């Protein structure tokens, strides 16, 4: 059973639905597995809890 983890900043629910569908479809295509076996976990991280290039994302 494939498990895909996505770490990102907060997104709209509709965008997440579309992402989960597309990731699932990609695994069904690539691995020839039933869609029911694909799990997608979305971990949303607030902008004040992650940074890049020495700066918090919230400060950009």
PDB file of N, CA and C in Angstrom:
ATOM      1  N   UNK A   1       0.840  -1.167   0.000  1.00  0.00           N
ATOM      2  CA  UNK A   1       0.000   0.000   0.000  1.00  0.00           C
ATOM      3  C   UNK A   1       0.891   1.238   0.000  1.00  0.00           C
ATOM      4  N   UNK A   2       0.862   2.056  -1.052  1.00  0.00           N
ATOM      5  CA  UNK A   2       1.645   3.286  -1.081  1.00  0.00           C
ATOM      6  C   UNK A   2       1.083   4.318  -0.105  1.00  0.00           C
ATOM      7  N   UNK A   3       1.981   4.963   0.617  1.00  0.00           N
ATOM      8  CA  UNK A   3       1.619   6.085   1.484  1.00  0.00           C
ATOM      9  C   UNK A   3       2.471   7.261   1.050  1.00  0.00           C
ATOM     10  N   UNK A   4       1.820   8.352   0.679  1.00  0.00           N
ATOM     11  CA  UNK A   4       2.502   9.558   0.224  1.00  0.00           C
ATOM     12  C   UNK A   4       2.290  10.638   1.277  1.00  0.00           C
ATOM     13  N   UNK A   5       3.366  11.283   1.699  1.00  0.00           N
ATOM     14  CA  UNK A   5       3.262  12.375   2.664  1.00  0.00           C
ATOM     15  C   UNK A   5       3.598  13.686   1.972  1.00  0.00           C
ATOM     16  N   UNK A   6       2.719  14.655   2.115  1.00  0.00           N
ATOM     17  CA  UNK A   6       2.913  15.990   1.556  1.00  0.00           C
ATOM     18  C   UNK A   6       3.037  16.958   2.725  1.00  0.00           C
ATOM     19  N   UNK A   7       4.126  17.707   2.757  1.00  0.00           N
ATOM     20  CA  UNK A   7       4.280  18.747   3.765  1.00  0.00           C
ATOM     21  C   UNK A   7       4.192  20.081   3.052  1.00  0.00           C
ATOM     22  N   UNK A   8       3.326  20.950   3.559  1.00  0.00           N
ATOM     23  CA  UNK A   8       3.088  22.218   2.870  1.00  0.00           C
ATOM     24  C   UNK A   8       2.483  23.212   3.838  1.00  0.00           C
ATOM     25  N   UNK A   9       2.380  24.438   3.374  1.00  0.00           N
ATOM     26  CA  UNK A   9       1.642  25.451   4.103  1.00  0.00           C
ATOM     27  C   UNK A   9       0.154  25.225   3.900  1.00  0.00           C
ATOM     28  N   UNK A  10      -0.671  25.883   4.689  1.00  0.00           N
ATOM     29  CA  UNK A  10      -2.123  25.703   4.570  1.00  0.00           C
ATOM     30  C   UNK A  10      -2.636  26.021   3.159  1.00  0.00           C
ATOM     31  N   UNK A  11      -3.558  25.200   2.697  1.00  0.00           N
ATOM     32  CA  UNK A  11      -4.184  25.377   1.390  1.00  0.00           C
ATOM     33  C   UNK A  11      -5.686  25.184   1.527  1.00  0.00           C
ATOM     34  N   UNK A  12      -6.425  25.658   0.555  1.00  0.00           N
ATOM     35  CA  UNK A  12      -7.869  25.507   0.472  1.00  0.00           C
ATOM     36  C   UNK A  12      -8.233  24.025   0.334  1.00  0.00           C
ATOM     37  N   UNK A  13      -9.346  23.633   0.929  1.00  0.00           N
ATOM     38  CA  UNK A  13      -9.786  22.231   0.885  1.00  0.00           C
ATOM     39  C   UNK A  13      -9.968  21.724  -0.536  1.00  0.00           C
ATOM     40  N   UNK A  14     -10.512  22.543  -1.420  1.00  0.00           N
ATOM     41  CA  UNK A  14     -10.706  22.107  -2.813  1.00  0.00           C
ATOM     42  C   UNK A  14      -9.361  21.798  -3.481  1.00  0.00           C
ATOM     43  N   UNK A  15      -8.349  22.603  -3.213  1.00  0.00           N
ATOM     44  CA  UNK A  15      -7.020  22.334  -3.780  1.00  0.00           C
ATOM     45  C   UNK A  15      -6.458  21.026  -3.253  1.00  0.00           C
ATOM     46  N   UNK A  16      -6.677  20.755  -1.971  1.00  0.00           N
ATOM     47  CA  UNK A  16      -6.188  19.500  -1.388  1.00  0.00           C
ATOM     48  C   UNK A  16      -6.926  18.301  -1.967  1.00  0.00           C
ATOM     49  N   UNK A  17      -8.227  18.436  -2.196  1.00  0.00           N
ATOM     50  CA  UNK A  17      -8.981  17.340  -2.832  1.00  0.00           C
ATOM     51  C   UNK A  17      -8.390  17.010  -4.206  1.00  0.00           C
ATOM     52  N   UNK A  18      -8.116  18.057  -4.976  1.00  0.00           N
ATOM     53  CA  UNK A  18      -7.553  17.870  -6.311  1.00  0.00           C
ATOM     54  C   UNK A  18      -6.166  17.227  -6.230  1.00  0.00           C
ATOM     55  N   UNK A  19      -5.351  17.679  -5.296  1.00  0.00           N
ATOM     56  CA  UNK A  19      -4.011  17.114  -5.129  1.00  0.00           C
ATOM     57  C   UNK A  19      -4.077  15.627  -4.784  1.00  0.00           C
ATOM     58  N   UNK A  20      -4.936  15.279  -3.837  1.00  0.00           N
ATOM     59  CA  UNK A  20      -5.075  13.867  -3.426  1.00  0.00           C
ATOM     60  C   UNK A  20      -5.522  13.019  -4.616  1.00  0.00           C
ATOM     61  N   UNK A  21      -6.462  13.531  -5.390  1.00  0.00           N
ATOM     62  CA  UNK A  21      -6.936  12.780  -6.566  1.00  0.00           C
ATOM     63  C   UNK A  21      -5.808  12.573  -7.568  1.00  0.00           C
ATOM     64  N   UNK A  22      -5.047  13.637  -7.840  1.00  0.00           N
ATOM     65  CA  UNK A  22      -3.972  13.542  -8.830  1.00  0.00           C
ATOM     66  C   UNK A  22      -2.844  12.613  -8.368  1.00  0.00           C
ATOM     67  N   UNK A  23      -2.483  12.699  -7.097  1.00  0.00           N
ATOM     68  CA  UNK A  23      -1.440  11.811  -6.571  1.00  0.00           C
ATOM     69  C   UNK A  23      -1.912  10.368  -6.641  1.00  0.00           C
ATOM     70  N   UNK A  24      -3.150  10.131  -6.254  1.00  0.00           N
ATOM     71  CA  UNK A  24      -3.705   8.771  -6.317  1.00  0.00           C
ATOM     72  C   UNK A  24      -3.675   8.253  -7.749  1.00  0.00           C
ATOM     73  N   UNK A  25      -4.135   9.061  -8.686  1.00  0.00           N
ATOM     74  CA  UNK A  25      -4.127   8.656 -10.096  1.00  0.00           C
ATOM     75  C   UNK A  25      -2.722   8.332 -10.577  1.00  0.00           C
ATOM     76  N   UNK A  26      -1.732   9.103 -10.141  1.00  0.00           N
ATOM     77  CA  UNK A  26      -0.346   8.860 -10.559  1.00  0.00           C
ATOM     78  C   UNK A  26       0.144   7.504 -10.059  1.00  0.00           C
ATOM     79  N   UNK A  27      -0.189   7.151  -8.822  1.00  0.00           N
ATOM     80  CA  UNK A  27       0.236   5.851  -8.295  1.00  0.00           C
ATOM     81  C   UNK A  27      -0.519   4.710  -8.956  1.00  0.00           C
ATOM     82  N   UNK A  28      -1.786   4.908  -9.233  1.00  0.00           N
ATOM     83  CA  UNK A  28      -2.566   3.878  -9.944  1.00  0.00           C
ATOM     84  C   UNK A  28      -1.931   3.627 -11.311  1.00  0.00           C
ATOM     85  N   UNK A  29      -1.559   4.688 -12.009  1.00  0.00           N
ATOM     86  CA  UNK A  29      -0.910   4.569 -13.321  1.00  0.00           C
ATOM     87  C   UNK A  29       0.464   3.919 -13.232  1.00  0.00           C
ATOM     88  N   UNK A  30       1.297   4.424 -12.336  1.00  0.00           N
ATOM     89  CA  UNK A  30       2.698   3.985 -12.274  1.00  0.00           C
ATOM     90  C   UNK A  30       2.859   2.587 -11.674  1.00  0.00           C
ATOM     91  N   UNK A  31       2.105   2.293 -10.629  1.00  0.00           N
ATOM     92  CA  UNK A  31       2.284   1.033  -9.903  1.00  0.00           C
ATOM     93  C   UNK A  31       1.231  -0.015 -10.221  1.00  0.00           C
ATOM     94  N   UNK A  32       0.205   0.396 -10.978  1.00  0.00           N
ATOM     95  CA  UNK A  32      -0.883  -0.525 -11.319  1.00  0.00           C
ATOM     96  C   UNK A  32      -1.520  -1.117 -10.058  1.00  0.00           C
ATOM     97  N   UNK A  33      -1.807  -0.235  -9.091  1.00  0.00           N
ATOM     98  CA  UNK A  33      -2.457  -0.660  -7.853  1.00  0.00           C
ATOM     99  C   UNK A  33      -3.857  -0.057  -7.809  1.00  0.00           C
ATOM    100  N   UNK A  34      -4.772  -0.668  -7.052  1.00  0.00           N
ATOM    101  CA  UNK A  34      -6.112  -0.088  -6.917  1.00  0.00           C
ATOM    102  C   UNK A  34      -6.050   1.241  -6.156  1.00  0.00           C
ATOM    103  N   UNK A  35      -6.878   2.179  -6.539  1.00  0.00           N
ATOM    104  CA  UNK A  35      -6.909   3.488  -5.885  1.00  0.00           C
ATOM    105  C   UNK A  35      -7.156   3.350  -4.386  1.00  0.00           C
ATOM    106  N   UNK A  36      -7.892   2.357  -3.988  1.00  0.00           N
ATOM    107  CA  UNK A  36      -8.225   2.152  -2.572  1.00  0.00           C
ATOM    108  C   UNK A  36      -6.997   1.864  -1.713  1.00  0.00           C
ATOM    109  N   UNK A  37      -5.896   1.473  -2.348  1.00  0.00           N
ATOM    110  CA  UNK A  37      -4.695   1.154  -1.569  1.00  0.00           C
ATOM    111  C   UNK A  37      -3.764   2.349  -1.384  1.00  0.00           C
ATOM    112  N   UNK A  38      -4.037   3.439  -2.061  1.00  0.00           N
ATOM    113  CA  UNK A  38      -3.170   4.621  -2.001  1.00  0.00           C
ATOM    114  C   UNK A  38      -3.651   5.548  -0.889  1.00  0.00           C
ATOM    115  N   UNK A  39      -2.735   5.907   0.005  1.00  0.00           N
ATOM    116  CA  UNK A  39      -3.044   6.857   1.062  1.00  0.00           C
ATOM    117  C   UNK A  39      -2.197   8.107   0.866  1.00  0.00           C
ATOM    118  N   UNK A  40      -2.809   9.265   1.040  1.00  0.00           N
ATOM    119  CA  UNK A  40      -2.100  10.544   0.938  1.00  0.00           C
ATOM    120  C   UNK A  40      -2.302  11.271   2.255  1.00  0.00           C
ATOM    121  N   UNK A  41      -1.205  11.575   2.920  1.00  0.00           N
ATOM    122  CA  UNK A  41      -1.258  12.306   4.192  1.00  0.00           C
ATOM    123  C   UNK A  41      -0.758  13.713   3.945  1.00  0.00           C
ATOM    124  N   UNK A  42      -1.557  14.689   4.298  1.00  0.00           N
ATOM    125  CA  UNK A  42      -1.165  16.093   4.130  1.00  0.00           C
ATOM    126  C   UNK A  42      -0.890  16.687   5.508  1.00  0.00           C
ATOM    127  N   UNK A  43       0.350  17.119   5.691  1.00  0.00           N
ATOM    128  CA  UNK A  43       0.748  17.786   6.931  1.00  0.00           C
ATOM    129  C   UNK A  43       0.895  19.265   6.615  1.00  0.00           C
ATOM    130  N   UNK A  44       0.012  20.062   7.176  1.00  0.00           N
ATOM    131  CA  UNK A  44       0.084  21.502   6.940  1.00  0.00           C
ATOM    132  C   UNK A  44       0.858  22.167   8.077  1.00  0.00           C
ATOM    133  N   UNK A  45       1.800  22.978   7.678  1.00  0.00           N
ATOM    134  CA  UNK A  45       2.664  23.667   8.629  1.00  0.00           C
ATOM    135  C   UNK A  45       2.389  25.164   8.518  1.00  0.00           C
ATOM    136  N   UNK A  46       2.049  25.819   9.633  1.00  0.00           N
ATOM    137  CA  UNK A  46       1.809  27.259   9.576  1.00  0.00           C
ATOM    138  C   UNK A  46       3.067  28.017   9.154  1.00  0.00           C
ATOM    139  N   UNK A  47       2.870  29.167   8.527  1.00  0.00           N
ATOM    140  CA  UNK A  47       3.991  29.963   8.017  1.00  0.00           C
ATOM    141  C   UNK A  47       4.953  30.398   9.109  1.00  0.00           C
ATOM    142  N   UNK A  48       4.491  30.482  10.357  1.00  0.00           N
ATOM    143  CA  UNK A  48       5.396  30.875  11.438  1.00  0.00           C
ATOM    144  C   UNK A  48       6.109  29.687  12.069  1.00  0.00           C
ATOM    145  N   UNK A  49       5.935  28.505  11.471  1.00  0.00           N
ATOM    146  CA  UNK A  49       6.581  27.304  11.999  1.00  0.00           C
ATOM    147  C   UNK A  49       7.525  26.665  10.988  1.00  0.00           C
ATOM    148  N   UNK A  50       7.866  27.413   9.939  1.00  0.00           N
ATOM    149  CA  UNK A  50       8.821  26.883   8.984  1.00  0.00           C
ATOM    150  C   UNK A  50       9.553  28.041   8.333  1.00  0.00           C
ATOM    151  N   UNK A  51      10.762  27.749   7.892  1.00  0.00           N
ATOM    152  CA  UNK A  51      11.561  28.801   7.278  1.00  0.00           C
ATOM    153  C   UNK A  51      12.424  28.257   6.160  1.00  0.00           C
ATOM    154  N   UNK A  52      12.970  29.189   5.396  1.00  0.00           N
ATOM    155  CA  UNK A  52      13.891  28.854   4.305  1.00  0.00           C
ATOM    156  C   UNK A  52      14.867  30.010   4.158  1.00  0.00           C
ATOM    157  N   UNK A  53      16.083  29.688   3.822  1.00  0.00           N
ATOM    158  CA  UNK A  53      17.122  30.696   3.583  1.00  0.00           C
ATOM    159  C   UNK A  53      17.295  31.613   4.790  1.00  0.00           C
ATOM    160  N   UNK A  54      17.153  31.042   5.991  1.00  0.00           N
ATOM    161  CA  UNK A  54      17.403  31.812   7.199  1.00  0.00           C
ATOM    162  C   UNK A  54      16.274  32.700   7.652  1.00  0.00           C
ATOM    163  N   UNK A  55      15.100  32.597   7.020  1.00  0.00           N
ATOM    164  CA  UNK A  55      13.972  33.454   7.394  1.00  0.00           C
ATOM    165  C   UNK A  55      12.703  32.623   7.542  1.00  0.00           C
ATOM    166  N   UNK A  56      11.867  33.018   8.495  1.00  0.00           N
ATOM    167  CA  UNK A  56      10.550  32.381   8.619  1.00  0.00           C
ATOM    168  C   UNK A  56       9.724  32.698   7.367  1.00  0.00           C
ATOM    169  N   UNK A  57       8.962  31.748   6.941  1.00  0.00           N
ATOM    170  CA  UNK A  57       8.086  31.952   5.799  1.00  0.00           C
ATOM    171  C   UNK A  57       7.098  33.085   6.083  1.00  0.00           C
ATOM    172  N   UNK A  58       6.673  33.218   7.322  1.00  0.00           N
ATOM    173  CA  UNK A  58       5.738  34.273   7.704  1.00  0.00           C
ATOM    174  C   UNK A  58       6.328  35.676   7.511  1.00  0.00           C
ATOM    175  N   UNK A  59       7.644  35.773   7.514  1.00  0.00           N
ATOM    176  CA  UNK A  59       8.308  37.075   7.374  1.00  0.00           C
ATOM    177  C   UNK A  59       8.577  37.457   5.924  1.00  0.00           C
ATOM    178  N   UNK A  60       8.221  36.633   5.005  1.00  0.00           N
ATOM    179  CA  UNK A  60       8.488  36.929   3.597  1.00  0.00           C
ATOM    180  C   UNK A  60       7.423  37.789   2.990  1.00  0.00           C
TER     181      UNK A  60
END
